[in-house]
Every structure is written in structure tokens, then in C-alpha cells.
Protein backbone atom coordinates (compact mmCIF):
# COMPACT_ATOMS: atom_id res chain seq x y z
CA MET A 1 35.30 41.59 171.31
CA ARG A 2 33.61 39.30 168.81
CA ARG A 3 30.80 38.71 171.28
CA LEU A 4 30.18 42.43 171.54
CA HIS A 5 30.22 43.03 167.79
CA LEU A 6 26.57 42.13 167.15
CA PRO A 7 25.13 43.86 170.29
CA LEU A 8 27.05 47.04 169.45
CA LEU A 9 25.83 46.89 165.85
CA ILE A 10 22.24 46.48 167.05
CA LEU A 11 22.61 49.43 169.45
CA LEU A 12 24.16 51.57 166.71
CA LEU A 13 21.34 50.84 164.24
CA THR A 14 18.67 51.46 166.88
CA GLY A 15 20.27 54.69 168.10
CA LEU A 16 20.72 56.06 164.60
CA SER A 17 17.14 55.25 163.68
CA LEU A 18 15.64 56.78 166.82
CA GLY A 19 17.86 59.86 166.51
CA VAL A 20 16.68 60.67 162.99
CA PHE A 21 13.09 59.83 163.96
CA TYR A 22 13.26 62.19 166.97
CA HIS A 23 14.68 65.02 164.86
CA LYS A 24 11.99 64.69 162.20
CA VAL A 25 9.15 64.55 164.72
CA TRP A 26 10.33 67.04 167.32
CA ASN A 27 12.17 69.64 165.25
CA LEU A 28 10.52 69.39 161.83
CA GLY A 29 7.02 68.41 162.92
CA PHE A 30 6.49 65.26 160.84
CA PRO A 31 3.30 63.53 162.04
CA VAL A 32 3.45 60.08 163.63
CA LEU A 33 -0.19 59.36 162.73
CA PRO A 34 -1.65 59.20 159.22
CA ALA A 35 -4.05 61.82 157.84
CA GLN A 36 -3.03 64.47 160.38
CA THR A 37 -3.66 68.09 159.52
CA THR A 38 -2.30 71.33 160.92
CA ASP A 39 -3.94 74.70 161.35
CA ASN A 40 -2.43 77.11 158.88
CA TRP A 41 -3.12 80.81 158.80
CA THR A 42 -2.79 83.13 155.83
CA VAL A 43 -2.04 86.63 157.09
CA GLU A 44 -2.12 89.60 154.74
CA ALA A 45 -0.93 93.16 155.32
CA ARG A 46 -2.25 95.85 152.95
CA VAL A 47 -0.32 99.11 152.80
CA ALA A 48 -1.95 102.05 150.98
CA PHE A 49 -0.54 105.59 150.62
CA GLU A 50 -0.33 108.61 148.36
CA PRO A 51 3.04 109.64 146.89
CA THR A 52 4.06 113.28 147.17
CA GLY A 53 6.51 113.26 144.25
CA GLY A 54 9.99 111.99 143.59
CA ALA A 55 11.62 108.67 144.42
CA LEU A 56 9.58 106.81 147.02
CA THR A 57 10.60 104.39 149.74
CA ALA A 58 8.18 102.32 151.82
CA ARG A 59 9.33 100.16 154.71
CA LEU A 60 7.14 97.52 156.40
CA PHE A 61 8.03 95.48 159.46
CA LEU A 62 7.66 91.71 158.90
CA PRO A 63 7.21 88.80 161.32
CA HIS A 64 10.46 87.10 162.27
CA GLU A 65 10.51 83.91 164.34
CA PRO A 66 7.23 84.79 166.10
CA PRO A 67 6.85 82.85 169.37
CA GLY A 68 4.66 79.79 168.94
CA PHE A 69 4.55 80.04 165.14
CA ALA A 70 6.60 79.00 162.13
CA LEU A 71 6.71 80.95 158.88
CA LEU A 72 6.01 78.62 155.95
CA ASP A 73 5.83 80.90 152.97
CA GLU A 74 5.53 84.55 152.06
CA HIS A 75 4.66 86.59 148.97
CA PHE A 76 4.99 90.24 148.03
CA VAL A 77 2.64 91.96 145.56
CA SER A 78 4.23 95.22 144.42
CA ARG A 79 4.18 95.77 140.67
CA GLY A 80 6.75 98.28 139.49
CA TYR A 81 8.66 98.36 142.77
CA GLY A 82 12.07 97.13 143.75
CA LEU A 83 12.04 94.92 146.83
CA ALA A 84 14.64 94.09 149.45
CA THR A 85 14.25 92.29 152.78
CA GLY A 86 16.62 92.18 155.71
CA MET A 87 17.05 92.55 159.46
CA GLY A 88 16.93 95.97 161.01
CA ALA A 89 17.73 96.93 164.59
CA ASP A 90 14.85 95.02 166.19
CA ASN A 91 12.72 93.78 163.32
CA ARG A 92 12.84 92.17 159.94
CA GLU A 93 11.93 94.68 157.24
CA ALA A 94 10.70 94.78 153.65
CA THR A 95 11.76 97.87 151.71
CA TRP A 96 9.96 98.86 148.48
CA THR A 97 11.45 101.50 146.22
CA THR A 98 10.32 103.18 143.00
CA ARG A 99 11.39 106.28 141.15
CA SER A 100 8.28 108.09 139.95
CA PRO A 101 4.97 106.69 141.22
CA SER A 102 1.68 108.40 140.44
CA GLY A 103 -1.75 108.01 141.99
CA ARG A 104 -2.70 106.08 145.10
CA GLN A 105 -0.38 103.12 145.71
CA VAL A 106 -1.22 99.76 147.32
CA LEU A 107 1.34 97.15 148.40
CA TYR A 108 0.61 93.68 149.77
CA TYR A 109 2.50 91.26 151.97
CA ARG A 110 1.08 87.78 152.49
CA ALA A 111 2.50 85.10 154.80
CA ALA A 112 1.48 81.53 155.61
CA VAL A 113 2.15 80.53 159.22
CA TYR A 114 1.24 77.58 161.39
CA GLN A 115 1.16 77.14 165.14
CA LEU A 116 3.85 75.02 166.74
CA GLN A 117 3.53 72.61 169.62
CA ARG A 118 6.59 74.31 171.02
CA SER A 119 8.53 77.41 170.05
CA LEU A 120 11.53 76.86 167.80
CA ARG A 121 12.82 80.40 167.81
CA THR A 122 16.31 80.96 169.14
CA GLN A 123 16.42 83.08 172.27
CA PRO A 124 18.76 86.07 171.95
CA GLU A 125 21.40 86.72 174.52
CA TYR A 126 20.55 88.60 177.69
CA PRO A 127 20.57 92.29 176.74
CA GLY A 128 21.89 93.28 180.17
CA PRO A 129 20.33 95.57 182.79
CA ALA A 130 18.28 98.44 181.37
CA ASP A 131 19.53 101.98 181.60
CA VAL A 132 17.83 103.99 184.34
CA PRO A 133 15.71 106.76 182.75
CA ASP A 134 16.61 110.38 183.49
CA LEU A 135 13.53 111.67 185.34
CA GLU A 136 12.91 115.00 187.00
CA GLU A 137 10.99 115.67 190.19
CA PRO A 138 8.33 114.81 191.16
CA TYR A 139 8.48 111.90 188.68
CA LEU A 140 11.80 110.60 190.03
CA SER A 141 10.54 110.27 193.61
CA ALA A 142 7.22 108.79 192.42
CA ALA A 143 9.02 106.20 190.29
CA GLU A 144 11.28 105.17 193.18
CA THR A 145 8.28 104.80 195.49
CA ILE A 146 6.39 102.70 192.92
CA ILE A 147 9.40 100.45 192.35
CA ASP A 148 9.90 99.91 196.11
CA GLN A 149 6.21 99.07 196.62
CA VAL A 150 6.14 96.63 193.68
CA ARG A 151 9.43 94.99 194.73
CA ALA A 152 8.04 94.34 198.19
CA ARG A 153 5.08 92.42 196.69
CA SER A 154 6.98 90.44 194.02
CA ALA A 155 9.39 87.51 194.03
CA ASP A 156 11.15 87.71 190.67
CA ILE A 157 11.28 89.68 187.44
CA THR A 158 8.12 88.18 185.98
CA SER A 159 6.04 88.72 189.10
CA PHE A 160 7.50 92.26 189.37
CA ALA A 161 6.12 93.05 185.90
CA THR A 162 2.69 91.54 186.60
CA VAL A 163 2.29 93.43 189.89
CA LEU A 164 3.35 96.65 188.18
CA VAL A 165 0.81 96.23 185.38
CA ARG A 166 -2.01 95.52 187.82
CA ASP A 167 -1.11 98.61 189.84
CA MET A 168 -1.21 100.65 186.65
CA LEU A 169 -4.69 99.34 185.84
CA SER A 170 -6.06 100.40 189.20
CA ALA A 171 -4.26 103.79 189.17
CA ALA A 172 -5.46 104.28 192.76
CA ASP A 173 -2.05 105.42 193.98
CA GLU A 174 -1.25 109.09 193.48
CA ASN A 175 2.32 108.24 192.47
CA MET A 176 1.07 105.95 189.67
CA GLY A 177 -1.37 108.67 188.64
CA LEU A 178 1.56 110.88 187.67
CA PHE A 179 2.55 108.38 184.93
CA VAL A 180 -0.69 106.88 183.65
CA SER A 181 -4.37 107.81 183.73
CA GLY A 182 -7.27 105.43 184.20
CA ASN A 183 -8.32 105.62 180.53
CA ALA A 184 -4.83 105.18 179.05
CA SER A 185 -4.49 102.98 175.97
CA GLU A 186 -2.61 99.68 175.79
CA ARG A 187 0.26 101.36 174.04
CA ASP A 188 0.54 104.11 176.65
CA ARG A 189 0.45 101.66 179.55
CA VAL A 190 3.16 99.49 177.96
CA ALA A 191 5.36 102.55 177.34
CA VAL A 192 5.01 103.62 180.97
CA ALA A 193 5.67 100.07 182.19
CA ILE A 194 8.88 99.90 180.15
CA GLU A 195 10.01 103.20 181.67
CA LEU A 196 9.27 102.12 185.25
CA LEU A 197 10.86 98.68 184.69
CA ALA A 198 13.97 100.43 183.44
CA GLY A 199 14.07 102.25 186.79
CA ALA A 200 14.41 98.78 188.35
CA ARG A 201 17.11 97.88 185.75
CA ILE A 202 14.75 95.31 184.16
CA PRO A 203 14.97 95.16 180.33
CA ALA A 204 11.57 95.32 178.64
CA ARG A 205 10.20 95.98 175.17
CA MET A 206 6.95 96.67 173.38
CA ALA A 207 5.51 93.94 171.12
CA HIS A 208 2.70 94.25 168.60
CA GLY A 209 0.69 91.39 167.14
CA LEU A 210 -2.57 90.11 165.75
CA GLN A 211 -5.16 87.89 167.36
CA LEU A 212 -5.75 85.41 164.54
CA THR A 213 -9.41 84.74 163.80
CA ASP A 214 -10.86 82.91 160.84
CA ARG A 215 -11.90 85.26 158.04
CA GLY A 216 -10.82 88.27 160.06
CA ARG A 217 -10.76 91.60 158.20
CA ASP A 218 -9.42 95.00 159.19
CA LEU A 219 -7.78 93.54 162.29
CA GLN A 220 -6.18 96.02 164.66
CA PRO A 221 -2.75 95.15 166.10
CA ARG A 222 -2.62 94.74 169.85
CA THR A 223 0.24 95.93 172.02
CA TRP A 224 1.92 93.64 174.53
CA LEU A 225 4.69 93.94 177.10
CA GLU A 226 7.73 91.67 177.13
CA VAL A 227 10.27 91.52 179.97
CA HIS A 228 13.52 89.60 180.02
CA ASN A 229 14.02 87.35 183.06
CA THR A 230 17.77 86.82 182.27
CA ARG A 231 16.88 83.62 180.34
CA GLU A 232 14.15 84.53 177.86
CA TRP A 233 11.58 87.15 176.94
CA VAL A 234 8.30 86.70 178.84
CA ALA A 235 5.04 88.22 177.58
CA VAL A 236 2.79 90.12 179.98
CA ASN A 237 -0.75 91.18 179.12
CA PRO A 238 -1.06 94.95 179.69
CA ASN A 239 -4.83 94.57 180.29
CA ASP A 240 -4.74 92.16 183.25
CA GLY A 241 -1.10 91.33 184.02
CA SER A 242 -1.38 87.68 182.99
CA VAL A 243 1.74 85.94 181.69
CA GLY A 244 2.03 84.51 178.18
CA TYR A 245 0.45 85.21 174.85
CA PRO A 246 -3.06 83.92 174.20
CA GLU A 247 -3.63 81.11 171.74
CA HIS A 248 -3.40 82.12 168.06
CA PHE A 249 -1.62 85.39 168.81
CA LEU A 250 0.96 86.28 166.14
CA VAL A 251 3.69 88.74 167.15
CA TRP A 252 4.38 91.00 164.15
CA TRP A 253 6.94 93.60 165.26
CA TYR A 254 8.70 95.11 168.28
CA GLY A 255 9.28 98.69 169.38
CA ASP A 256 7.18 101.80 169.85
CA GLY A 257 7.19 102.73 166.15
CA ASP A 258 4.53 102.21 163.51
CA PRO A 259 4.74 99.16 161.24
CA VAL A 260 5.13 101.34 158.13
CA GLU A 261 7.64 104.08 157.39
CA LEU A 262 7.28 106.20 154.24
CA SER A 263 9.57 108.57 152.42
CA ARG A 264 7.94 111.05 149.99
CA ALA A 265 4.46 109.73 150.68
CA ARG A 266 1.55 110.51 153.00
CA ASN A 267 -1.77 109.19 154.36
CA ALA A 268 -0.41 105.72 155.09
CA GLN A 269 -3.08 103.14 155.88
CA VAL A 270 -2.24 99.64 157.06
CA SER A 271 -4.87 96.92 157.35
CA PHE A 272 -4.54 93.25 158.26
CA ALA A 273 -6.66 90.29 157.17
CA VAL A 274 -6.51 86.64 158.24
CA SER A 275 -7.97 83.38 156.93
CA ARG A 276 -7.66 79.91 158.45
CA ASN A 277 -6.72 76.86 156.40
CA PHE A 278 -6.08 73.18 157.05
CA GLN A 279 -3.05 71.57 155.44
CA ASP A 280 -1.67 68.05 155.51
CA ALA A 281 0.82 67.80 158.35
CA VAL A 282 3.40 66.10 156.11
CA ASP A 283 3.29 68.99 153.62
CA THR A 284 3.68 71.46 156.47
CA ALA A 285 6.67 69.57 157.83
CA GLN A 286 8.32 69.51 154.40
CA GLN A 287 7.94 73.26 154.04
CA ARG A 288 9.33 73.73 157.53
CA ALA A 289 12.32 71.53 156.70
CA LYS A 290 13.06 73.55 153.58
CA LEU A 291 12.96 76.80 155.53
CA LEU A 292 15.40 75.34 158.05
CA ASN A 293 17.61 74.00 155.22
CA SER A 294 17.44 70.56 156.80
CA ARG A 295 19.61 67.98 155.06
CA VAL A 296 17.09 65.32 156.02
CA MET A 297 14.89 66.32 153.09
CA ASP A 298 17.70 65.53 150.66
CA PHE A 299 17.11 61.86 151.46
CA SER A 300 13.34 61.99 151.74
CA LEU A 301 11.03 59.79 149.67
CA PHE A 302 8.82 62.81 149.05
CA GLY A 303 11.33 64.13 146.52
CA LEU A 304 10.74 61.13 144.23
CA PRO A 305 8.12 61.05 141.46
CA VAL A 306 4.65 60.11 142.67
CA GLN A 307 4.69 56.84 140.73
CA THR A 308 7.97 55.84 142.38
CA GLN A 309 6.61 56.86 145.79
CA ASN A 310 3.62 54.56 145.33
CA MET A 311 5.94 51.71 144.44
CA TYR A 312 8.03 52.21 147.58
CA ARG A 313 4.91 52.37 149.73
CA VAL A 314 4.64 48.65 148.94
CA LEU A 315 8.33 47.69 148.83
CA LEU A 316 9.15 49.27 152.19
CA MET A 317 6.69 46.91 153.86
CA VAL A 318 8.61 43.81 152.65
CA PRO A 319 11.27 44.00 155.42
CA VAL A 320 8.49 44.27 158.00
CA GLY A 321 6.83 41.16 156.58
CA ALA A 322 10.17 39.35 156.48
CA MET A 323 10.76 40.16 160.15
CA ILE A 324 7.35 38.70 161.02
CA ILE A 325 8.29 35.51 159.16
CA VAL A 326 11.56 35.29 161.12
CA LEU A 327 9.64 35.74 164.37
CA LEU A 328 7.02 33.11 163.51
CA ARG A 329 9.56 30.58 162.21
CA ASN A 330 12.39 30.95 164.74
CA VAL A 331 10.46 31.81 167.90
CA VAL A 332 6.97 30.41 167.41
CA GLY A 333 8.04 27.48 165.24
CA VAL A 334 5.57 27.79 162.34
CA GLN A 335 6.71 25.69 159.37
CA THR A 336 6.60 27.39 155.95
CA PHE A 337 7.76 26.76 152.42
CA GLY A 338 10.76 29.05 152.20
CA THR A 339 11.20 32.56 153.55
CA PHE A 340 10.04 34.92 150.83
CA MET A 341 7.08 32.99 149.52
CA PRO A 342 4.74 34.08 152.39
CA VAL A 343 5.85 37.70 152.00
CA LEU A 344 5.16 37.76 148.26
CA ILE A 345 1.82 36.04 148.75
CA ALA A 346 0.98 38.65 151.42
CA LEU A 347 1.80 41.40 148.92
CA SER A 348 -0.58 39.75 146.46
CA PHE A 349 -3.31 39.74 149.11
CA ARG A 350 -3.08 43.56 149.18
CA GLU A 351 -4.64 43.60 145.71
CA THR A 352 -6.92 40.55 145.84
CA GLU A 353 -8.17 41.21 149.41
CA LEU A 354 -7.77 38.57 152.07
CA LEU A 355 -10.70 36.18 151.61
CA GLY A 356 -10.53 36.15 147.81
CA GLY A 357 -6.75 35.80 147.90
CA VAL A 358 -6.83 32.82 150.27
CA ILE A 359 -9.43 31.05 148.14
CA LEU A 360 -7.57 31.68 144.87
CA PHE A 361 -4.22 30.67 146.38
CA THR A 362 -5.65 27.43 147.79
CA LEU A 363 -7.38 26.62 144.50
CA ILE A 364 -4.29 27.24 142.34
CA VAL A 365 -1.97 25.25 144.62
CA SER A 366 -4.43 22.35 144.90
CA LEU A 367 -4.96 22.09 141.13
CA GLY A 368 -1.26 22.59 140.44
CA LEU A 369 -0.34 19.92 142.96
CA ALA A 370 -2.66 17.41 141.31
CA ILE A 371 -1.12 18.11 137.90
CA ARG A 372 2.36 17.96 139.43
CA PHE A 373 1.70 14.41 140.63
CA TYR A 374 0.66 13.51 137.09
CA LEU A 375 3.94 14.95 135.74
CA GLU A 376 5.82 12.70 138.15
CA HIS A 377 4.74 9.70 136.08
CA LEU A 378 6.37 11.25 132.97
CA LYS A 379 9.84 10.96 134.58
CA LEU A 380 10.92 14.51 133.63
CA LEU A 381 14.15 16.17 134.73
CA LEU A 382 13.99 18.92 137.37
CA VAL A 383 14.30 22.01 135.15
CA PRO A 384 11.84 20.85 132.45
CA ARG A 385 9.44 19.80 135.20
CA LEU A 386 9.62 23.25 136.81
CA ALA A 387 9.08 24.92 133.43
CA ALA A 388 6.07 22.71 132.84
CA VAL A 389 4.66 23.59 136.26
CA VAL A 390 5.09 27.32 135.52
CA SER A 391 3.22 26.89 132.23
CA ILE A 392 0.44 24.98 133.97
CA VAL A 393 0.18 27.64 136.70
CA VAL A 394 -0.14 30.40 134.11
CA MET A 395 -2.84 28.49 132.24
CA LEU A 396 -4.72 27.84 135.49
CA MET A 397 -4.54 31.52 136.38
CA LEU A 398 -5.82 32.43 132.92
CA ALA A 399 -8.67 29.92 133.13
CA LEU A 400 -9.74 31.14 136.56
CA SER A 401 -9.62 34.79 135.45
CA ILE A 402 -11.82 34.09 132.41
CA LEU A 403 -14.23 31.98 134.45
CA SER A 404 -14.54 34.55 137.22
CA HIS A 405 -15.10 37.31 134.68
CA ARG A 406 -17.90 35.32 133.05
CA LEU A 407 -19.47 34.75 136.46
CA GLY A 408 -19.13 38.44 137.38
CA ILE A 409 -16.65 37.82 140.20
CA GLU A 410 -14.25 40.74 139.96
CA HIS A 411 -11.85 39.44 142.63
CA GLY A 412 -10.92 36.58 140.34
CA LEU A 413 -9.34 39.01 137.88
CA ALA A 414 -6.74 39.93 140.50
CA ILE A 415 -5.30 36.42 140.39
CA ALA A 416 -2.89 37.66 137.73
CA LEU A 417 -1.14 39.60 140.52
CA PHE A 418 0.02 36.38 142.18
CA PRO A 419 3.73 35.70 141.55
CA MET A 420 3.48 32.71 139.20
CA VAL A 421 7.08 31.57 139.76
CA ILE A 422 6.54 31.52 143.54
CA LEU A 423 3.35 29.53 143.03
CA ALA A 424 5.22 27.05 140.82
CA MET A 425 8.02 26.68 143.38
CA THR A 426 5.45 26.24 146.17
CA ILE A 427 3.77 23.45 144.23
CA GLU A 428 7.13 21.80 143.53
CA ARG A 429 8.28 22.05 147.16
CA MET A 430 4.97 20.81 148.48
CA SER A 431 5.02 17.77 146.17
CA ILE A 432 8.56 16.86 147.27
CA VAL A 433 7.67 17.12 150.96
CA TRP A 434 4.56 15.05 150.25
CA GLU A 435 6.67 12.30 148.72
CA GLU A 436 9.49 12.37 151.29
CA HIS A 437 7.68 13.08 154.56
CA GLY A 438 4.07 12.30 153.82
CA ALA A 439 0.88 14.24 153.21
CA GLY A 440 0.66 15.45 156.84
CA ASP A 441 3.92 17.42 156.75
CA ALA A 442 3.13 18.85 153.31
CA ILE A 443 -0.32 20.05 154.33
CA ARG A 444 1.04 21.36 157.65
CA GLN A 445 3.71 23.45 155.92
CA GLY A 446 1.21 24.64 153.33
CA ILE A 447 -1.22 25.79 156.02
CA GLY A 448 1.70 27.37 157.94
CA SER A 449 2.79 29.29 154.87
CA LEU A 450 -0.75 30.54 154.34
CA MET A 451 -1.08 31.56 157.99
CA VAL A 452 2.20 33.47 157.90
CA ALA A 453 1.14 35.17 154.65
CA VAL A 454 -2.14 36.22 156.28
CA ALA A 455 -0.29 37.57 159.34
CA GLY A 456 2.11 39.49 157.11
CA TYR A 457 -0.78 40.86 155.07
CA LEU A 458 -2.66 42.09 158.16
CA LEU A 459 0.51 43.84 159.34
CA MET A 460 1.41 45.36 155.98
CA ILE A 461 -2.05 46.85 155.38
CA ASN A 462 -2.07 48.56 158.77
CA PRO A 463 -2.31 52.28 157.88
CA TYR A 464 -0.32 53.35 160.95
CA ILE A 465 2.61 51.07 160.21
CA GLU A 466 2.56 51.96 156.51
CA HIS A 467 2.58 55.66 157.39
CA LEU A 468 5.45 55.29 159.87
CA ILE A 469 7.64 53.28 157.48
CA PHE A 470 7.04 55.58 154.50
CA VAL A 471 7.40 58.91 156.33
CA PHE A 472 10.20 57.61 158.58
CA PRO A 473 12.08 55.01 156.47
CA GLU A 474 14.90 55.17 159.02
CA LEU A 475 12.71 52.95 161.20
CA LEU A 476 13.71 50.10 158.90
CA LEU A 477 17.03 50.17 160.76
CA ILE A 478 15.12 49.09 163.87
CA VAL A 479 13.49 46.33 161.81
CA LEU A 480 16.98 45.27 160.71
CA ALA A 481 18.25 45.38 164.29
CA ALA A 482 15.33 43.22 165.47
CA THR A 483 16.00 40.74 162.66
CA LEU A 484 19.68 40.51 163.63
CA LEU A 485 18.68 40.00 167.25
CA LEU A 486 16.29 37.17 166.31
CA GLY A 487 19.07 35.67 164.22
CA ARG A 488 20.95 34.81 167.43
CA TYR A 489 17.97 33.12 169.08
CA THR A 490 18.77 29.45 169.73
CA GLY A 491 16.25 28.63 172.43
CA TYR A 492 13.18 26.46 172.28
CA ARG A 493 10.40 27.40 169.94
CA LEU A 494 6.90 27.76 171.37
CA SER A 495 5.69 24.82 169.29
CA GLU A 496 8.50 22.68 170.74
CA LEU A 497 7.49 23.58 174.27
CA LEU A 498 4.01 22.30 173.51
CA ARG A 499 5.39 19.12 171.93
CA PHE A 500 7.67 18.27 174.86
CA ARG A 501 5.42 19.40 177.73
CA VAL A 502 4.83 15.72 178.63
CA LEU A 503 8.57 15.14 179.07
CA ALA A 504 8.83 18.26 181.20
CA GLY A 505 6.09 16.88 183.47
CA ARG A 506 7.90 13.57 183.86
CA SER A 507 11.19 15.20 184.77
CA LYS A 508 9.49 17.11 187.58
CA SER A 509 7.93 13.95 188.92
């Protein structure tokens, strides 16, 4: 059981991380690439009418879980009116009420929606077979003939509806001519289709929506047919019988009624306007998460102050850099001074830039090492010697900053961002290795530390990795799992394979 403890822990961390990552990407729409934007649409409905006296009630159908879209935000502009929203029989409704309006009244509803890669709406239960309409002759016989002819040329419910719509468009059959004329409107054709589909016990409904176009004004709603195939509602175009809604089509309401109902008012006029916007995909995902009441956002970094967020953009990259150090030390075999020194130096390179940082680091360590050898002759104790090295490092950093400023080299001013204590410890460690193992080992470990710091820097400035770790901090669990896995590695390092390749050749011979 002890042998399985670490593998199970690694699997648990990896599974938990990938599970949260999948939920945030697939269900909430968080982007996996930086600087992604989403197409957002602002849709506005303007309702104008004239009151006829007395208490007034105006009811407007609202979009509710439209297929292919998500509702991000909505606003109501109705000064002096009471407002209530709720679900009606088939549609979500907004109800405005006022006691004594005077003059022409105008109400506004504005919604922000964005198109989804996949529909997130919940499919309602199967409504059951439709009730057969009560028709009189000759309509009853004509309807039965039409249904038999369409059934013979269709394979399922969806194809039945498409064949029926195409027959209605041609209107060449005298039986179809009893129900619909050649110049019938979309709405009339859909109403007839619903009636004939009911004769075949197929549930169907009328849908109304807008074709979203940028800067569209006075848009007219289009009518669509939806049939239920026992699993979901399927849209059918009443103009050509094609299946599915076109791109950027927003379903607004269902049923054969008008979108507005008025009490004690007349001359209702409804107009729709649309404008297209581009919004950061992360902001869109956050709004979507709030609408879904996702608990994930309670633990999101985006709820922190901006200053704190910027700090964690840097700190969250430290575990990634530490994992790279573990990989290079334990698997590749690169020798470094300590574990955290290369990571902290890599963080400093983020501000100094790579070339300037390498030059400044090499210069400070070289000068500090020379002074450290001088301090060796003073026979100081360890702690005072370290304190003296720290003081010398600070003075060297100050001198280089002043000198670079006088020479107009702005990168030299960033030397103050180097961790002075880490520099002092590096100088101390390097001098000890120099004395105990020789200059070769000291220089080799110094170059190895610098190489690892450069590798960590190149990884930590990668915009894709920084975006993934900040937006999906749960991925750090995978970093932890990889670090634990590397912690059990006891095989040969790559550098050792190169060192002992001669012995391997002899053993084969």
C-alpha cells in the first residue's frame, strides 16, 4: 500500500486539476490562449404605444436560453413603471405596470449576448405526441393524403418536416393548395406546417428570432419552425426546408402570438436594433460564470485587487521555474548553486531583460567573488563574513546603477531588482566550492546556475504559459504532480551517461 501511495496521490492531483480545467474551458468558456476575444451582440427592443386611460400593463417576451447563445447582461429602461420578470407558459416575460400614464410611452429592453461554441441550454422533456387537429371535409381527407405522401418519402421526424415544408413551397398538389397558397408568408406556412405535423402526431412549435447584423436597425423578426424528434427541438427553415438555424440567429420567443401584449393601450410598435462588439474572452467567461452561479468564481484570482493580481502573475510562475530546475538537476544533471537561486535570478531577468541581466549578474558575482577572497585573509567568522559580503554586494549594485545612469544605460538601473541576499549567498557558496573542489567545479556550477536561470526565464516569460497558469491556477496541481514524480527518479542522469559512455563501450566489447 505504501508503494501505491505516491502514484495514487499523483493521479488524484492530476485528475482534480484536469477536471476543474475542463469545466472552466468547456462549460464556462474560459480561453486557453491569451488575448482571445468573443463576438458580443447588444440587442435592443423598443416598445412604443399610446395609453387609453387607466392603469396600464405592458408585457414583452424576452429571450430565454436561446440556442447557440448565452445571455450575459440585460437592462430595462422604463422610468415611472413597475417591473417584474418571470416565466410564462412558453416564454420568459417582462411585465411593466403604471397607474396613470399620459402621452406616448416608450419602453426599452437591452440585452448583451454572445455566441457559444456549443449550446448550453437544457433540453426540456419530450412533450409527447401532438393532439390530432379536428378538421372537417375536405380538409381532413387532404391532410391525410398529404401526411401519407410525405411519410412515404421521409425516414424520420426531421426528414418528415423538411419534405413537408418543401411540398408547401411548391404548392403544386391540389391537396396542399387547400391549406397554403403560393404567396403565403413565413408565419402562415409555419402555422400550416404545425397543423399538418400534428396530424402525424409530431409535436412542433413556432419560433421567432432576429438575424443579427452589425449596426442593424428596425430589424424584422423572422419566423421558424421547430419539431421535436423525441430527443430535442430541431429547427427547420420554412423558406427552403433546411435544418438548423443560420449563424448569428437569435431566437427571441415561441408561439403564434405577438411579442408585446398591452392592456389599456393601443398602436403598439416594436422595433429591434443590433450592434456588434468585441469583448475579452476572459471577461465574457466571468460574466457567464456569474449567471450560472458557478462556485469556481469564488476562488478565482480575478476577484482580487488588480495590484494583487499583478503580483500573483509573477509568483504563480515560481513553481513552474522550480519544476524546471528539478528536471535539469535530477534528470539532465546540471549542477547549480542551490535550488531557489536560479528561480529568483530568473525572476530578476523579467525586469532587467535577458542580455542585460546576464551581464549584470556575471559582473556582480565576479567582483563580489574577488572581494570575498580578500575577506578570507581577514579570518572572519561565518556570520560576520556573510554580512560583509551583503554590504559589499549592495555597494556594488549601487555603484553600477550610478555608473550606468551616467552612461545613459537604462538597463543598469534594474540591477536593484536582483535579490541581494541570494547574490551574497551565491558568492559565498562559489568561494567555498572554489577552495574545496577547485576553480573548475566552481565555474562549472556558476555557469550551470546561470543556464538554469536563463531556461527558467525563457519559460516564465512565455505568454501562453503565463496565461494558462493565471487563468487556470489549478494547473499548478499538475506541476506539483510532475515534481513529485521527478522526486522518485533514481536513474542515471543524462550527463552521467555521457561521462560513462566509454565504460559502456568496453562492457559491450
